[in-house]
């Protein structure tokens, strides 16, 4: 084998090693959706419904599921038509798709979860204005294939829903001393006895279920995530595991 052939083979192998596999791309999408680029804790999008409806676990879970469904529908459709829509009209088209998806979810919830639909009220139609939905359609779904767009939609929606559920659970436990109260509104009569009461004589903390409690709870969740990220960075300062010597690099660059 000639020297040029060996060099070409090494270059090909290096390129192959650097190119991420499909599963590695999926893993990156999962990490971004659930943690690194969580729409509620990092991007700080969709905070209006997040703060408004998370006074208990069931409300947070319900709105989270509705948002997840809208994300799946809108991302999927945007990805399918991405090569057939002019860049000049893409935003109005994306908004129309999102509005259609929200209307479908709103009508379905009104038909099958009527009481819960009334409790969530205006915040279901307001999913249309959630910047996270349009942001994922514009930043990701319009530039990627259907499978990646759906995976991105699912895990971005799941990450947002988890924050809704955790915040709702914390506020419900502190404010009312219960967990999964009114679960039957979402899961039917089978969930009538799912409510957990922590104490028969619990003195409720009204602040937790009022709007200030939502801001305080979200702030604590964001702070908790930042602390975990800071500790992880301190333990692993270089994610690639490659030692970097800034001093030696600067000397090398200044050497004539």
Protein backbone atom coordinates (compact mmCIF):
# COMPACT_ATOMS: atom_id res chain seq x y z
CA UNK A 1 0.00 0.00 0.00
CA UNK A 2 1.40 3.39 -1.00
CA UNK A 3 1.91 6.32 1.35
CA UNK A 4 -0.93 8.29 -0.30
CA UNK A 5 -3.36 5.37 0.10
CA UNK A 6 -2.45 5.08 3.79
CA UNK A 7 -2.98 8.81 4.27
CA UNK A 8 -6.38 8.66 2.51
CA UNK A 9 -7.47 5.70 4.65
CA UNK A 10 -6.50 7.51 7.87
CA UNK A 11 -8.37 10.61 6.78
CA UNK A 12 -11.46 8.54 6.00
CA UNK A 13 -11.31 6.82 9.39
CA UNK A 14 -10.90 10.16 11.16
CA UNK A 15 -13.91 11.58 9.32
CA UNK A 16 -15.97 8.50 10.17
CA UNK A 17 -15.05 8.76 13.84
CA UNK A 18 -15.97 12.44 14.00
CA UNK A 19 -19.34 12.00 12.28
CA UNK A 20 -21.95 11.26 14.96
CA UNK A 21 -24.20 8.27 14.48
CA UNK A 22 -27.96 8.59 14.40
CA UNK A 23 -28.24 7.30 17.97
CA UNK A 24 -25.66 9.83 19.15
CA UNK A 25 -27.73 12.56 17.52
CA UNK A 26 -30.84 11.24 19.28
CA UNK A 27 -28.97 11.20 22.59
CA UNK A 28 -27.96 14.83 22.10
CA UNK A 29 -31.60 15.73 21.39
CA UNK A 30 -32.69 13.93 24.55
CA UNK A 31 -30.07 15.70 26.68
CA UNK A 32 -31.05 19.08 25.27
CA UNK A 33 -34.76 18.53 25.76
CA UNK A 34 -34.66 17.16 29.28
CA UNK A 35 -31.77 19.13 30.75
CA UNK A 36 -29.27 21.23 28.81
CA UNK A 37 -31.84 23.30 26.88
CA UNK A 38 -34.95 22.67 28.95
CA UNK A 39 -37.51 25.17 27.69
CA UNK A 40 -38.68 26.12 31.19
CA UNK A 41 -35.45 26.07 33.19
CA UNK A 42 -32.92 27.25 30.59
CA UNK A 43 -34.73 28.94 27.71
CA UNK A 44 -37.34 30.33 30.15
CA UNK A 45 -40.12 30.00 27.57
CA UNK A 46 -43.78 29.31 28.26
CA UNK A 47 -43.58 30.77 31.76
CA UNK A 48 -47.10 32.26 31.73
CA UNK A 49 -48.97 28.90 31.73
CA UNK A 50 -46.18 27.32 33.75
CA UNK A 51 -46.70 29.74 36.63
CA UNK A 52 -50.47 30.04 36.30
CA UNK A 53 -51.73 26.44 36.34
CA UNK A 54 -49.19 24.62 38.51
CA UNK A 55 -51.09 24.99 41.77
CA UNK A 56 -51.45 21.20 41.80
CA UNK A 57 -49.96 18.15 40.11
CA UNK A 58 -52.91 17.19 37.91
CA UNK A 59 -53.23 20.66 36.38
CA UNK A 60 -49.53 20.74 35.56
CA UNK A 61 -49.61 17.25 34.07
CA UNK A 62 -52.69 18.04 31.98
CA UNK A 63 -51.25 21.20 30.46
CA UNK A 64 -47.92 19.44 29.96
CA UNK A 65 -49.58 16.64 28.00
CA UNK A 66 -51.50 19.15 25.89
CA UNK A 67 -48.31 21.07 25.12
CA UNK A 68 -46.47 17.84 24.28
CA UNK A 69 -49.23 16.81 21.85
CA UNK A 70 -49.14 20.22 20.13
CA UNK A 71 -45.36 20.01 19.82
CA UNK A 72 -45.54 16.56 18.21
CA UNK A 73 -48.19 17.61 15.71
CA UNK A 74 -46.62 20.94 14.78
CA UNK A 75 -43.03 19.69 14.56
CA UNK A 76 -44.09 16.72 12.47
CA UNK A 77 -46.07 18.80 9.98
CA UNK A 78 -43.42 21.53 9.76
CA UNK A 79 -40.75 18.93 9.03
CA UNK A 80 -42.87 17.35 6.30
CA UNK A 81 -43.50 20.65 4.48
CA UNK A 82 -40.14 22.30 5.15
CA UNK A 83 -39.00 21.96 1.52
CA UNK A 84 -42.29 23.22 0.08
CA UNK A 85 -42.73 26.50 1.95
CA UNK A 86 -41.03 29.72 0.95
CA UNK A 87 -38.86 31.34 3.59
CA UNK A 88 -40.88 34.55 3.17
CA UNK A 89 -44.10 32.99 4.49
CA UNK A 90 -42.75 30.25 6.74
CA UNK A 91 -43.61 32.00 10.06
CA UNK A 92 -47.32 32.57 9.20
CA UNK A 93 -47.54 28.99 7.95
CA UNK A 94 -45.96 27.66 11.14
CA UNK A 95 -48.33 29.73 13.28
CA UNK A 96 -51.31 28.41 11.30
CA UNK A 97 -50.15 24.83 11.85
CA UNK A 98 -49.67 25.42 15.58
CA UNK A 99 -53.07 27.11 15.88
CA UNK A 100 -54.72 24.16 14.13
CA UNK A 101 -53.01 21.68 16.45
CA UNK A 102 -54.05 23.69 19.53
CA UNK A 103 -57.64 23.86 18.29
CA UNK A 104 -57.73 20.09 17.89
CA UNK A 105 -56.35 19.50 21.40
CA UNK A 106 -58.70 22.14 22.86
CA UNK A 107 -61.78 20.53 21.30
CA UNK A 108 -60.72 17.03 22.37
CA UNK A 109 -60.14 18.14 25.95
CA UNK A 110 -63.49 19.92 26.01
CA UNK A 111 -65.18 16.75 24.78
CA UNK A 112 -63.46 14.14 26.96
CA UNK A 113 -62.13 16.14 29.95
CA UNK A 114 -64.76 18.84 30.22
CA UNK A 115 -64.28 19.76 33.89
CA UNK A 116 -60.49 19.80 33.56
CA UNK A 117 -60.86 21.86 30.39
CA UNK A 118 -62.84 24.42 32.35
CA UNK A 119 -60.22 24.54 35.13
CA UNK A 120 -57.34 25.13 32.71
CA UNK A 121 -59.50 27.63 30.85
CA UNK A 122 -57.74 30.13 28.60
CA UNK A 123 -54.34 28.54 29.08
CA UNK A 124 -55.09 25.77 26.58
CA UNK A 125 -55.74 28.18 23.66
CA UNK A 126 -52.77 30.23 24.86
CA UNK A 127 -50.48 27.33 23.89
CA UNK A 128 -50.53 29.02 20.47
CA UNK A 129 -48.54 31.90 21.93
CA UNK A 130 -46.02 29.66 23.69
CA UNK A 131 -42.68 30.72 22.22
CA UNK A 132 -41.28 27.24 22.82
CA UNK A 133 -43.67 25.76 20.21
CA UNK A 134 -42.85 28.23 17.45
CA UNK A 135 -39.19 28.22 18.48
CA UNK A 136 -38.81 24.47 17.97
CA UNK A 137 -40.68 24.63 14.66
CA UNK A 138 -38.44 27.40 13.35
CA UNK A 139 -35.10 26.41 14.91
CA UNK A 140 -35.26 22.63 14.50
CA UNK A 141 -38.23 21.04 12.73
CA UNK A 142 -37.89 23.27 9.65
CA UNK A 143 -34.27 22.15 9.22
CA UNK A 144 -34.40 18.43 10.03
CA UNK A 145 -36.00 15.18 8.96
CA UNK A 146 -39.29 13.90 10.37
CA UNK A 147 -37.75 11.40 12.79
CA UNK A 148 -35.44 13.97 14.38
CA UNK A 149 -38.23 16.57 14.52
CA UNK A 150 -40.52 14.14 16.35
CA UNK A 151 -37.81 13.08 18.80
CA UNK A 152 -37.01 16.74 19.46
CA UNK A 153 -40.70 17.56 19.96
CA UNK A 154 -41.22 14.64 22.34
CA UNK A 155 -38.28 15.33 24.62
CA UNK A 156 -38.66 19.12 24.55
CA UNK A 157 -42.30 18.63 25.48
CA UNK A 158 -41.41 16.01 28.07
CA UNK A 159 -38.82 18.30 29.68
CA UNK A 160 -41.37 21.13 29.84
CA UNK A 161 -44.01 18.78 31.25
CA UNK A 162 -41.67 17.47 33.96
CA UNK A 163 -41.09 21.01 35.21
CA UNK A 164 -44.86 21.60 35.25
CA UNK A 165 -45.43 18.39 37.22
CA UNK A 166 -42.58 18.92 39.70
CA UNK A 167 -43.55 22.53 40.36
CA UNK A 168 -47.22 21.59 40.67
CA UNK A 169 -46.41 18.72 43.05
CA UNK A 170 -44.24 20.93 45.27
CA UNK A 171 -46.85 23.67 45.47
CA UNK A 172 -49.64 21.18 46.15
CA UNK A 173 -47.72 19.36 48.87
CA UNK A 174 -46.68 22.55 50.64
CA UNK A 175 -49.92 24.45 50.05
CA UNK A 176 -52.50 21.73 50.66
CA UNK A 177 -50.63 18.78 52.16
CA UNK A 178 -51.86 16.49 49.36
CA UNK A 179 -50.59 14.92 46.15
CA UNK A 180 -52.57 13.90 43.04
CA UNK A 181 -55.69 15.62 44.29
CA UNK A 182 -58.52 15.50 41.70
CA UNK A 183 -56.63 12.91 39.66
CA UNK A 184 -59.98 11.48 38.53
CA UNK A 185 -60.48 14.55 36.34
CA UNK A 186 -57.66 13.30 34.11
CA UNK A 187 -57.58 9.53 34.64
CA UNK A 188 -61.26 8.79 35.28
CA UNK A 189 -63.06 7.11 38.16
CA UNK A 190 -60.22 4.62 38.63
CA UNK A 191 -58.15 7.47 40.10
CA UNK A 192 -60.75 8.57 42.65
CA UNK A 193 -58.68 7.26 45.55
CA UNK A 194 -55.25 8.23 44.24
CA UNK A 195 -55.07 11.35 46.41
CA UNK A 196 -52.30 11.18 49.03
CA UNK A 197 -52.93 13.05 52.30
CA UNK A 198 -49.75 13.70 54.28
CA UNK A 199 -51.55 14.67 57.49
CA UNK A 200 -55.11 14.92 58.74
CA UNK A 201 -54.28 18.14 60.57
CA UNK A 202 -51.99 19.78 58.04
CA UNK A 203 -51.82 23.56 58.29
CA UNK A 204 -51.81 24.71 54.67
CA UNK A 205 -49.26 27.28 53.49
CA UNK A 206 -51.39 29.57 51.36
CA UNK A 207 -48.36 31.32 49.82
CA UNK A 208 -47.39 28.13 47.97
CA UNK A 209 -50.56 27.97 45.89
CA UNK A 210 -50.72 31.71 45.23
CA UNK A 211 -48.84 33.40 42.32
CA UNK A 212 -45.83 34.38 44.49
CA UNK A 213 -45.38 30.72 45.38
CA UNK A 214 -45.11 29.88 41.68
CA UNK A 215 -42.30 32.41 41.17
CA UNK A 216 -40.46 31.26 44.27
CA UNK A 217 -40.82 27.58 43.34
CA UNK A 218 -39.60 28.12 39.77
CA UNK A 219 -36.67 30.18 41.03
CA UNK A 220 -35.67 27.38 43.39
CA UNK A 221 -35.87 24.80 40.59
CA UNK A 222 -33.68 26.96 38.32
CA UNK A 223 -31.20 27.51 41.16
CA UNK A 224 -31.11 23.76 41.88
CA UNK A 225 -30.33 22.99 38.24
CA UNK A 226 -27.61 25.65 38.12
CA UNK A 227 -25.98 24.20 41.25
CA UNK A 228 -25.96 20.71 39.76
CA UNK A 229 -24.48 22.02 36.50
CA UNK A 230 -21.82 23.99 38.39
CA UNK A 231 -20.82 20.94 40.45
CA UNK A 232 -20.64 18.80 37.33
CA UNK A 233 -18.47 21.41 35.59
CA UNK A 234 -16.18 21.60 38.61
CA UNK A 235 -15.73 17.83 38.65
CA UNK A 236 -15.30 17.55 34.88
CA UNK A 237 -13.99 20.89 33.59
CA UNK A 238 -13.24 19.46 30.16
CA UNK A 239 -16.03 17.26 28.81
CA UNK A 240 -13.70 15.86 26.12
CA UNK A 241 -11.13 14.75 28.64
CA UNK A 242 -8.37 16.64 26.80
CA UNK A 243 -6.01 18.63 29.05
CA UNK A 244 -5.67 22.25 27.98
CA UNK A 245 -2.60 24.25 28.94
CA UNK A 246 -3.41 27.88 28.20
CA UNK A 247 0.06 29.15 29.13
CA UNK A 248 1.91 26.76 26.84
CA UNK A 249 -0.54 27.52 24.01
CA UNK A 250 0.08 31.25 24.30
CA UNK A 251 3.87 30.73 24.34
CA UNK A 252 3.67 28.56 21.24
CA UNK A 253 1.68 31.21 19.37
CA UNK A 254 4.14 34.00 20.26
CA UNK A 255 7.27 32.03 19.40
CA UNK A 256 8.75 33.40 16.15
